[in-house]
Amino acid sequence: MDRVAVTVLEIARLRFDLADAYGPEAAGLAEGGPAAIPVQAFHLALPGRSVLVDAPHYDPADTPAAYQLPNYQAPPPLAVQLEDRGIAPGDVTDVVLTHLHFDHYGGLTHLVDGRLRPLFAGARHYLGRGDWPPAAAEAGPLVDRTVGVVEARDLLSLTSAEPGEDIDLGDGLALVPAPGESPGHQLVRAQVGDDVVYLVGDLFHHPVELRGGGPDVRWADPAAMAASKRRLTARAADEGARVYASHIDGAYRVARSCGGFRWLRLG
């Protein structure tokens, strides 16, 4: 294995209104009204590790109405998609939650004999300490049915480091603090040989953010988000890394250009 093997799993599509997300001045950034953005999980095959980054599910009951697409039929759930790709949930060694927003963790558990159990029972689960316990806006039944069950089984590790300091988990896997979207938001860095991949969660939500000086979502901490984006963009450019975001289709590389950066979509 001389590359990081990345499997992209699209779990759903959500309605994403740019004017709501970025402010009224952003209404003209996309034609045709609100976008339909993907909700993605990622599996990484590393030497000695089977890593899942985020564990979304789709259920209208757990999805705010503003994000629901009309007449929407979701793809098969996470567990089915993993099995279809030959990835057994029981073989997953690490589950990284980039942050604690509703569309990133609902697939952590399943029913066994009428009781909720962790789906990835052999995995250590990682969540940024700044996101736990959840803020009032994120707390509720979905957290209780998922992350709460994982924590009760002593499978949850809370991560903490200063921005700019990686958390090395070994075997080419590291966590990168990137606050802004939430206090505990974290990225995943994976490396095999010279091949580097970043899974950046909600550091970017839509391709409009990849343009020079692109907007940030209104709910983020502006200063923290801007600093996290600067750090990731420079690192990805210097390392020639592939970059995947939870809500943007495809992979990208970053190139330095005229004192700034250009995002290049990979074929």
C-alpha atoms as a PDB file:
ATOM      1  CA  MET A   1       0.000   0.000   0.000  1.00  0.00           C
ATOM      2  CA  ASP A   2       1.645   3.244  -1.135  1.00  0.00           C
ATOM      3  CA  ARG A   3      -1.406   5.506  -1.032  1.00  0.00           C
ATOM      4  CA  VAL A   4      -4.135   6.273   1.448  1.00  0.00           C
ATOM      5  CA  ALA A   5      -7.185   4.352   0.233  1.00  0.00           C
ATOM      6  CA  VAL A   6     -10.226   6.619   0.609  1.00  0.00           C
ATOM      7  CA  THR A   7     -13.781   5.312   0.243  1.00  0.00           C
ATOM      8  CA  VAL A   8     -16.435   8.031  -0.022  1.00  0.00           C
ATOM      9  CA  LEU A   9     -19.883   7.153   1.318  1.00  0.00           C
ATOM     10  CA  GLU A  10     -22.736   9.510   0.465  1.00  0.00           C
ATOM     11  CA  ILE A  11     -25.400   9.077   3.122  1.00  0.00           C
ATOM     12  CA  ALA A  12     -27.777  11.881   2.147  1.00  0.00           C
ATOM     13  CA  ARG A  13     -28.293  15.229   0.468  1.00  0.00           C
ATOM     14  CA  LEU A  14     -29.398  18.314   2.368  1.00  0.00           C
ATOM     15  CA  ARG A  15     -30.986  21.556   1.259  1.00  0.00           C
ATOM     16  CA  PHE A  16     -28.457  24.378   1.671  1.00  0.00           C
ATOM     17  CA  ASP A  17     -29.660  27.939   1.194  1.00  0.00           C
ATOM     18  CA  LEU A  18     -26.635  30.145   0.557  1.00  0.00           C
ATOM     19  CA  ALA A  19     -28.412  33.316   1.627  1.00  0.00           C
ATOM     20  CA  ASP A  20     -29.322  31.712   4.964  1.00  0.00           C
ATOM     21  CA  ALA A  21     -25.857  30.230   5.424  1.00  0.00           C
ATOM     22  CA  TYR A  22     -23.727  33.217   4.417  1.00  0.00           C
ATOM     23  CA  GLY A  23     -26.061  36.202   4.619  1.00  0.00           C
ATOM     24  CA  PRO A  24     -28.318  37.986   2.128  1.00  0.00           C
ATOM     25  CA  GLU A  25     -25.352  39.306   0.155  1.00  0.00           C
ATOM     26  CA  ALA A  26     -24.520  35.688  -0.811  1.00  0.00           C
ATOM     27  CA  ALA A  27     -27.878  35.028  -2.475  1.00  0.00           C
ATOM     28  CA  GLY A  28     -26.419  35.513  -5.963  1.00  0.00           C
ATOM     29  CA  LEU A  29     -23.466  33.145  -5.501  1.00  0.00           C
ATOM     30  CA  ALA A  30     -25.370  30.091  -6.775  1.00  0.00           C
ATOM     31  CA  GLU A  31     -27.924  29.961  -9.552  1.00  0.00           C
ATOM     32  CA  GLY A  32     -31.195  28.090  -9.340  1.00  0.00           C
ATOM     33  CA  GLY A  33     -31.969  28.571  -5.665  1.00  0.00           C
ATOM     34  CA  PRO A  34     -30.772  26.472  -2.706  1.00  0.00           C
ATOM     35  CA  ALA A  35     -28.112  23.853  -3.343  1.00  0.00           C
ATOM     36  CA  ALA A  36     -28.380  20.147  -2.557  1.00  0.00           C
ATOM     37  CA  ILE A  37     -25.150  19.347  -0.741  1.00  0.00           C
ATOM     38  CA  PRO A  38     -23.923  15.844   0.104  1.00  0.00           C
ATOM     39  CA  VAL A  39     -23.612  14.400   3.587  1.00  0.00           C
ATOM     40  CA  GLN A  40     -20.570  12.144   3.395  1.00  0.00           C
ATOM     41  CA  ALA A  41     -18.646   9.734   5.567  1.00  0.00           C
ATOM     42  CA  PHE A  42     -15.169   8.560   4.629  1.00  0.00           C
ATOM     43  CA  HIS A  43     -13.379   5.289   5.215  1.00  0.00           C
ATOM     44  CA  LEU A  44      -9.584   5.228   5.284  1.00  0.00           C
ATOM     45  CA  ALA A  45      -7.594   2.034   4.838  1.00  0.00           C
ATOM     46  CA  LEU A  46      -4.230   2.468   6.536  1.00  0.00           C
ATOM     47  CA  PRO A  47      -1.641  -0.175   7.408  1.00  0.00           C
ATOM     48  CA  GLY A  48      -3.043  -1.761  10.550  1.00  0.00           C
ATOM     49  CA  ARG A  49      -6.084   0.508  10.785  1.00  0.00           C
ATOM     50  CA  SER A  50      -9.628   0.722   9.434  1.00  0.00           C
ATOM     51  CA  VAL A  51     -10.767   4.305  10.036  1.00  0.00           C
ATOM     52  CA  LEU A  52     -14.204   5.865   9.666  1.00  0.00           C
ATOM     53  CA  VAL A  53     -14.482   9.642   9.573  1.00  0.00           C
ATOM     54  CA  ASP A  54     -17.962  10.714  10.684  1.00  0.00           C
ATOM     55  CA  ALA A  55     -20.981   8.423  10.937  1.00  0.00           C
ATOM     56  CA  PRO A  56     -24.026  10.189   9.477  1.00  0.00           C
ATOM     57  CA  HIS A  57     -27.509   8.839   8.991  1.00  0.00           C
ATOM     58  CA  TYR A  58     -30.624  10.333   7.410  1.00  0.00           C
ATOM     59  CA  ASP A  59     -33.988  10.413   9.105  1.00  0.00           C
ATOM     60  CA  PRO A  60     -36.418  13.293   8.574  1.00  0.00           C
ATOM     61  CA  ALA A  61     -37.280  13.126  12.276  1.00  0.00           C
ATOM     62  CA  ASP A  62     -33.675  14.039  13.125  1.00  0.00           C
ATOM     63  CA  THR A  63     -33.213  16.589  10.324  1.00  0.00           C
ATOM     64  CA  PRO A  64     -34.317  20.218  10.756  1.00  0.00           C
ATOM     65  CA  ALA A  65     -37.021  21.103   8.251  1.00  0.00           C
ATOM     66  CA  ALA A  66     -34.908  23.883   6.707  1.00  0.00           C
ATOM     67  CA  TYR A  67     -32.396  21.262   5.513  1.00  0.00           C
ATOM     68  CA  GLN A  68     -34.869  18.772   4.047  1.00  0.00           C
ATOM     69  CA  LEU A  69     -35.242  18.402   0.286  1.00  0.00           C
ATOM     70  CA  PRO A  70     -38.802  17.848  -0.981  1.00  0.00           C
ATOM     71  CA  ASN A  71     -39.712  14.266  -1.912  1.00  0.00           C
ATOM     72  CA  TYR A  72     -36.224  13.110  -1.014  1.00  0.00           C
ATOM     73  CA  GLN A  73     -35.276   9.427  -0.888  1.00  0.00           C
ATOM     74  CA  ALA A  74     -31.944   8.810   0.834  1.00  0.00           C
ATOM     75  CA  PRO A  75     -29.358   6.219  -0.274  1.00  0.00           C
ATOM     76  CA  PRO A  76     -28.866   3.065   1.818  1.00  0.00           C
ATOM     77  CA  PRO A  77     -27.681   3.742   5.378  1.00  0.00           C
ATOM     78  CA  LEU A  78     -24.065   3.806   6.445  1.00  0.00           C
ATOM     79  CA  ALA A  79     -23.852   0.208   7.696  1.00  0.00           C
ATOM     80  CA  VAL A  80     -25.252  -1.142   4.416  1.00  0.00           C
ATOM     81  CA  GLN A  81     -22.909   0.958   2.312  1.00  0.00           C
ATOM     82  CA  LEU A  82     -19.907  -0.209   4.316  1.00  0.00           C
ATOM     83  CA  GLU A  83     -20.882  -3.869   3.975  1.00  0.00           C
ATOM     84  CA  ASP A  84     -21.470  -3.403   0.225  1.00  0.00           C
ATOM     85  CA  ARG A  85     -17.863  -2.230  -0.055  1.00  0.00           C
ATOM     86  CA  GLY A  86     -16.490  -5.124   1.946  1.00  0.00           C
ATOM     87  CA  ILE A  87     -15.913  -3.075   5.098  1.00  0.00           C
ATOM     88  CA  ALA A  88     -17.255  -4.852   8.161  1.00  0.00           C
ATOM     89  CA  PRO A  89     -18.300  -2.441  10.933  1.00  0.00           C
ATOM     90  CA  GLY A  90     -16.818  -4.842  13.458  1.00  0.00           C
ATOM     91  CA  ASP A  91     -13.400  -4.452  11.835  1.00  0.00           C
ATOM     92  CA  VAL A  92     -13.325  -0.646  12.116  1.00  0.00           C
ATOM     93  CA  THR A  93     -10.582   0.313  14.563  1.00  0.00           C
ATOM     94  CA  ASP A  94     -11.136   4.077  14.799  1.00  0.00           C
ATOM     95  CA  VAL A  95     -14.132   6.379  14.400  1.00  0.00           C
ATOM     96  CA  VAL A  96     -13.347  10.079  14.237  1.00  0.00           C
ATOM     97  CA  LEU A  97     -16.184  12.553  14.685  1.00  0.00           C
ATOM     98  CA  THR A  98     -15.168  15.860  13.168  1.00  0.00           C
ATOM     99  CA  HIS A  99     -17.728  17.660  15.359  1.00  0.00           C
ATOM    100  CA  LEU A 100     -21.079  17.274  17.045  1.00  0.00           C
ATOM    101  CA  HIS A 101     -23.579  18.641  14.521  1.00  0.00           C
ATOM    102  CA  PHE A 102     -26.627  16.492  13.775  1.00  0.00           C
ATOM    103  CA  ASP A 103     -25.511  15.310  10.330  1.00  0.00           C
ATOM    104  CA  HIS A 104     -22.228  13.743  11.448  1.00  0.00           C
ATOM    105  CA  TYR A 105     -22.939  11.117  14.100  1.00  0.00           C
ATOM    106  CA  GLY A 106     -26.455   9.614  13.813  1.00  0.00           C
ATOM    107  CA  GLY A 107     -25.161   6.301  12.445  1.00  0.00           C
ATOM    108  CA  LEU A 108     -23.050   5.367  15.461  1.00  0.00           C
ATOM    109  CA  THR A 109     -25.516   2.868  16.926  1.00  0.00           C
ATOM    110  CA  HIS A 110     -27.944   0.133  15.911  1.00  0.00           C
ATOM    111  CA  LEU A 111     -30.595  -1.984  17.575  1.00  0.00           C
ATOM    112  CA  VAL A 112     -29.597  -5.416  18.877  1.00  0.00           C
ATOM    113  CA  ASP A 113     -32.363  -7.411  20.576  1.00  0.00           C
ATOM    114  CA  GLY A 114     -34.300  -4.213  21.048  1.00  0.00           C
ATOM    115  CA  ARG A 115     -31.438  -2.296  22.659  1.00  0.00           C
ATOM    116  CA  LEU A 116     -29.135   0.340  21.182  1.00  0.00           C
ATOM    117  CA  ARG A 117     -25.554  -0.827  20.795  1.00  0.00           C
ATOM    118  CA  PRO A 118     -22.493   0.804  19.233  1.00  0.00           C
ATOM    119  CA  LEU A 119     -22.284  -0.198  15.580  1.00  0.00           C
ATOM    120  CA  PHE A 120     -18.489  -0.002  15.686  1.00  0.00           C
ATOM    121  CA  ALA A 121     -18.090  -1.937  18.903  1.00  0.00           C
ATOM    122  CA  GLY A 122     -14.384  -2.623  18.427  1.00  0.00           C
ATOM    123  CA  ALA A 123     -13.435   0.963  17.618  1.00  0.00           C
ATOM    124  CA  ARG A 124     -12.090   3.799  19.690  1.00  0.00           C
ATOM    125  CA  HIS A 125     -14.234   6.898  18.984  1.00  0.00           C
ATOM    126  CA  TYR A 126     -12.642  10.360  19.000  1.00  0.00           C
ATOM    127  CA  LEU A 127     -14.443  13.671  19.566  1.00  0.00           C
ATOM    128  CA  GLY A 128     -13.000  17.110  20.253  1.00  0.00           C
ATOM    129  CA  ARG A 129     -13.254  17.968  23.947  1.00  0.00           C
ATOM    130  CA  GLY A 130     -14.708  21.357  23.089  1.00  0.00           C
ATOM    131  CA  ASP A 131     -17.844  19.655  21.744  1.00  0.00           C
ATOM    132  CA  TRP A 132     -18.544  17.491  24.819  1.00  0.00           C
ATOM    133  CA  PRO A 133     -20.739  17.741  26.702  1.00  0.00           C
ATOM    134  CA  PRO A 134     -22.855  19.164  23.883  1.00  0.00           C
ATOM    135  CA  ALA A 135     -24.110  22.720  23.936  1.00  0.00           C
ATOM    136  CA  ALA A 136     -27.831  23.176  24.448  1.00  0.00           C
ATOM    137  CA  ALA A 137     -28.361  23.647  20.705  1.00  0.00           C
ATOM    138  CA  GLU A 138     -26.900  20.205  19.962  1.00  0.00           C
ATOM    139  CA  ALA A 139     -28.053  18.257  23.035  1.00  0.00           C
ATOM    140  CA  GLY A 140     -31.104  16.054  22.768  1.00  0.00           C
ATOM    141  CA  PRO A 141     -32.422  12.586  21.963  1.00  0.00           C
ATOM    142  CA  LEU A 142     -30.154  12.023  18.938  1.00  0.00           C
ATOM    143  CA  VAL A 143     -27.042  12.599  21.046  1.00  0.00           C
ATOM    144  CA  ASP A 144     -28.421  10.332  23.773  1.00  0.00           C
ATOM    145  CA  ARG A 145     -29.125   7.531  21.263  1.00  0.00           C
ATOM    146  CA  THR A 146     -25.690   7.699  19.652  1.00  0.00           C
ATOM    147  CA  VAL A 147     -22.697   9.390  21.266  1.00  0.00           C
ATOM    148  CA  GLY A 148     -24.242   8.834  24.679  1.00  0.00           C
ATOM    149  CA  VAL A 149     -24.405   5.093  24.058  1.00  0.00           C
ATOM    150  CA  VAL A 150     -20.786   5.060  22.847  1.00  0.00           C
ATOM    151  CA  GLU A 151     -19.671   6.977  25.925  1.00  0.00           C
ATOM    152  CA  ALA A 152     -21.572   4.622  28.236  1.00  0.00           C
ATOM    153  CA  ARG A 153     -19.637   1.696  26.718  1.00  0.00           C
ATOM    154  CA  ASP A 154     -16.338   3.507  27.430  1.00  0.00           C
ATOM    155  CA  LEU A 155     -15.521   3.777  23.738  1.00  0.00           C
ATOM    156  CA  LEU A 156     -15.282   7.575  23.578  1.00  0.00           C
ATOM    157  CA  SER A 157     -12.028   9.503  23.840  1.00  0.00           C
ATOM    158  CA  LEU A 158     -12.093  13.296  24.049  1.00  0.00           C
ATOM    159  CA  THR A 159      -9.239  14.943  22.193  1.00  0.00           C
ATOM    160  CA  SER A 160      -7.570  18.213  23.048  1.00  0.00           C
ATOM    161  CA  ALA A 161      -4.670  20.156  21.586  1.00  0.00           C
ATOM    162  CA  GLU A 162      -3.820  23.722  20.696  1.00  0.00           C
ATOM    163  CA  PRO A 163      -4.477  24.775  17.082  1.00  0.00           C
ATOM    164  CA  GLY A 164      -1.340  23.989  15.107  1.00  0.00           C
ATOM    165  CA  GLU A 165      -0.525  20.912  17.217  1.00  0.00           C
ATOM    166  CA  ASP A 166      -1.463  17.527  15.752  1.00  0.00           C
ATOM    167  CA  ILE A 167      -2.611  14.579  17.847  1.00  0.00           C
ATOM    168  CA  ASP A 168      -0.627  11.606  16.533  1.00  0.00           C
ATOM    169  CA  LEU A 169      -2.576   8.333  16.753  1.00  0.00           C
ATOM    170  CA  GLY A 170       0.091   6.279  15.001  1.00  0.00           C
ATOM    171  CA  ASP A 171       0.160   4.347  11.706  1.00  0.00           C
ATOM    172  CA  GLY A 172      -0.001   7.581   9.702  1.00  0.00           C
ATOM    173  CA  LEU A 173      -3.203   8.806  11.379  1.00  0.00           C
ATOM    174  CA  ALA A 174      -3.426  12.171  13.132  1.00  0.00           C
ATOM    175  CA  LEU A 175      -6.111  14.541  14.368  1.00  0.00           C
ATOM    176  CA  VAL A 176      -5.772  18.257  13.654  1.00  0.00           C
ATOM    177  CA  PRO A 177      -7.664  20.756  15.850  1.00  0.00           C
ATOM    178  CA  ALA A 178      -9.596  23.183  13.627  1.00  0.00           C
ATOM    179  CA  PRO A 179     -12.085  25.169  15.722  1.00  0.00           C
ATOM    180  CA  GLY A 180     -14.575  27.521  14.129  1.00  0.00           C
ATOM    181  CA  GLU A 181     -17.523  25.432  12.979  1.00  0.00           C
ATOM    182  CA  SER A 182     -17.683  24.304  16.602  1.00  0.00           C
ATOM    183  CA  PRO A 183     -15.256  24.648  19.519  1.00  0.00           C
ATOM    184  CA  GLY A 184     -14.076  21.046  19.204  1.00  0.00           C
ATOM    185  CA  HIS A 185     -14.088  20.741  15.404  1.00  0.00           C
ATOM    186  CA  GLN A 186     -11.194  18.566  14.230  1.00  0.00           C
ATOM    187  CA  LEU A 187      -9.732  17.374  10.942  1.00  0.00           C
ATOM    188  CA  VAL A 188      -8.169  14.048  10.060  1.00  0.00           C
ATOM    189  CA  ARG A 189      -4.735  13.775   8.452  1.00  0.00           C
ATOM    190  CA  ALA A 190      -3.687  10.424   6.981  1.00  0.00           C
ATOM    191  CA  GLN A 191      -0.369   9.576   5.353  1.00  0.00           C
ATOM    192  CA  VAL A 192       1.068   6.559   3.590  1.00  0.00           C
ATOM    193  CA  GLY A 193       4.526   7.139   2.134  1.00  0.00           C
ATOM    194  CA  ASP A 194       4.447  10.548   0.475  1.00  0.00           C
ATOM    195  CA  ASP A 195       0.665  10.495  -0.007  1.00  0.00           C
ATOM    196  CA  VAL A 196      -1.209  12.809   2.367  1.00  0.00           C
ATOM    197  CA  VAL A 197      -4.980  13.115   2.713  1.00  0.00           C
ATOM    198  CA  TYR A 198      -7.025  15.550   4.783  1.00  0.00           C
ATOM    199  CA  LEU A 199     -10.649  14.945   5.750  1.00  0.00           C
ATOM    200  CA  VAL A 200     -11.747  18.427   6.770  1.00  0.00           C
ATOM    201  CA  GLY A 201     -15.316  17.966   7.993  1.00  0.00           C
ATOM    202  CA  ASP A 202     -17.184  21.275   7.912  1.00  0.00           C
ATOM    203  CA  LEU A 203     -14.159  23.521   7.530  1.00  0.00           C
ATOM    204  CA  PHE A 204     -15.722  24.213   4.119  1.00  0.00           C
ATOM    205  CA  HIS A 205     -19.413  23.661   3.307  1.00  0.00           C
ATOM    206  CA  HIS A 206     -19.804  24.649  -0.348  1.00  0.00           C
ATOM    207  CA  PRO A 207     -17.439  25.340  -3.286  1.00  0.00           C
ATOM    208  CA  VAL A 208     -18.108  29.089  -2.984  1.00  0.00           C
ATOM    209  CA  GLU A 209     -15.903  29.004   0.117  1.00  0.00           C
ATOM    210  CA  LEU A 210     -12.968  27.779  -1.959  1.00  0.00           C
ATOM    211  CA  ARG A 211     -12.840  31.002  -3.960  1.00  0.00           C
ATOM    212  CA  GLY A 212     -10.367  33.633  -2.858  1.00  0.00           C
ATOM    213  CA  GLY A 213     -11.860  35.422   0.109  1.00  0.00           C
ATOM    214  CA  GLY A 214     -14.933  33.197  -0.002  1.00  0.00           C
ATOM    215  CA  PRO A 215     -17.555  33.642   2.710  1.00  0.00           C
ATOM    216  CA  ASP A 216     -17.817  31.775   5.994  1.00  0.00           C
ATOM    217  CA  VAL A 217     -21.066  30.392   7.365  1.00  0.00           C
ATOM    218  CA  ARG A 218     -22.778  32.748   9.770  1.00  0.00           C
ATOM    219  CA  TRP A 219     -22.925  30.322  12.703  1.00  0.00           C
ATOM    220  CA  ALA A 220     -19.154  29.806  12.874  1.00  0.00           C
ATOM    221  CA  ASP A 221     -16.736  31.692  15.098  1.00  0.00           C
ATOM    222  CA  PRO A 222     -15.306  34.064  12.450  1.00  0.00           C
ATOM    223  CA  ALA A 223     -11.782  34.467  13.791  1.00  0.00           C
ATOM    224  CA  ALA A 224     -11.333  30.796  14.686  1.00  0.00           C
ATOM    225  CA  MET A 225     -12.740  29.619  11.346  1.00  0.00           C
ATOM    226  CA  ALA A 226     -10.517  31.958   9.342  1.00  0.00           C
ATOM    227  CA  ALA A 227      -7.417  30.844  11.257  1.00  0.00           C
ATOM    228  CA  SER A 228      -8.274  27.142  10.811  1.00  0.00           C
ATOM    229  CA  LYS A 229      -8.801  27.634   7.080  1.00  0.00           C
ATOM    230  CA  ARG A 230      -5.468  29.434   6.718  1.00  0.00           C
ATOM    231  CA  ARG A 231      -3.581  26.687   8.518  1.00  0.00           C
ATOM    232  CA  LEU A 232      -5.171  23.852   6.551  1.00  0.00           C
ATOM    233  CA  THR A 233      -4.841  25.579   3.169  1.00  0.00           C
ATOM    234  CA  ALA A 234      -1.133  26.276   3.622  1.00  0.00           C
ATOM    235  CA  ARG A 235      -0.397  22.760   4.890  1.00  0.00           C
ATOM    236  CA  ALA A 236      -2.337  21.074   2.108  1.00  0.00           C
ATOM    237  CA  ALA A 237      -0.536  23.160  -0.500  1.00  0.00           C
ATOM    238  CA  ASP A 238       2.917  22.448   0.956  1.00  0.00           C
ATOM    239  CA  GLU A 239       2.216  18.711   1.241  1.00  0.00           C
ATOM    240  CA  GLY A 240       0.479  18.259  -2.106  1.00  0.00           C
ATOM    241  CA  ALA A 241      -2.379  16.673  -0.178  1.00  0.00           C
ATOM    242  CA  ARG A 242      -5.769  15.498  -1.331  1.00  0.00           C
ATOM    243  CA  VAL A 243      -8.549  17.264   0.545  1.00  0.00           C
ATOM    244  CA  TYR A 244     -12.085  15.954   1.103  1.00  0.00           C
ATOM    245  CA  ALA A 245     -14.897  17.919   2.786  1.00  0.00           C
ATOM    246  CA  SER A 246     -18.045  16.440   4.257  1.00  0.00           C
ATOM    247  CA  HIS A 247     -20.426  18.520   2.134  1.00  0.00           C
ATOM    248  CA  ILE A 248     -18.480  19.091  -1.095  1.00  0.00           C
ATOM    249  CA  ASP A 249     -18.414  16.530  -3.897  1.00  0.00           C
ATOM    250  CA  GLY A 250     -15.033  15.254  -5.021  1.00  0.00           C
ATOM    251  CA  ALA A 251     -11.455  15.744  -3.892  1.00  0.00           C
ATOM    252  CA  TYR A 252      -9.260  18.821  -4.263  1.00  0.00           C
ATOM    253  CA  ARG A 253      -5.640  19.878  -4.182  1.00  0.00           C
ATOM    254  CA  VAL A 254      -4.375  23.314  -3.238  1.00  0.00           C
ATOM    255  CA  ALA A 255      -1.797  25.230  -5.268  1.00  0.00           C
ATOM    256  CA  ARG A 256       0.020  28.419  -4.351  1.00  0.00           C
ATOM    257  CA  SER A 257      -0.716  31.152  -6.886  1.00  0.00           C
ATOM    258  CA  CYS A 258       0.255  34.849  -7.016  1.00  0.00           C
ATOM    259  CA  GLY A 259       0.739  35.109  -3.280  1.00  0.00           C
ATOM    260  CA  GLY A 260      -2.479  33.233  -2.562  1.00  0.00           C
ATOM    261  CA  PHE A 261      -3.991  29.805  -3.183  1.00  0.00           C
ATOM    262  CA  ARG A 262      -6.079  28.056  -5.831  1.00  0.00           C
ATOM    263  CA  TRP A 263      -8.270  25.036  -5.169  1.00  0.00           C
ATOM    264  CA  LEU A 264      -8.093  22.451  -7.962  1.00  0.00           C
ATOM    265  CA  ARG A 265     -10.808  19.828  -8.305  1.00  0.00           C
ATOM    266  CA  LEU A 266      -9.368  16.372  -8.992  1.00  0.00           C
ATOM    267  CA  GLY A 267     -10.855  14.313 -11.814  1.00  0.00           C
END
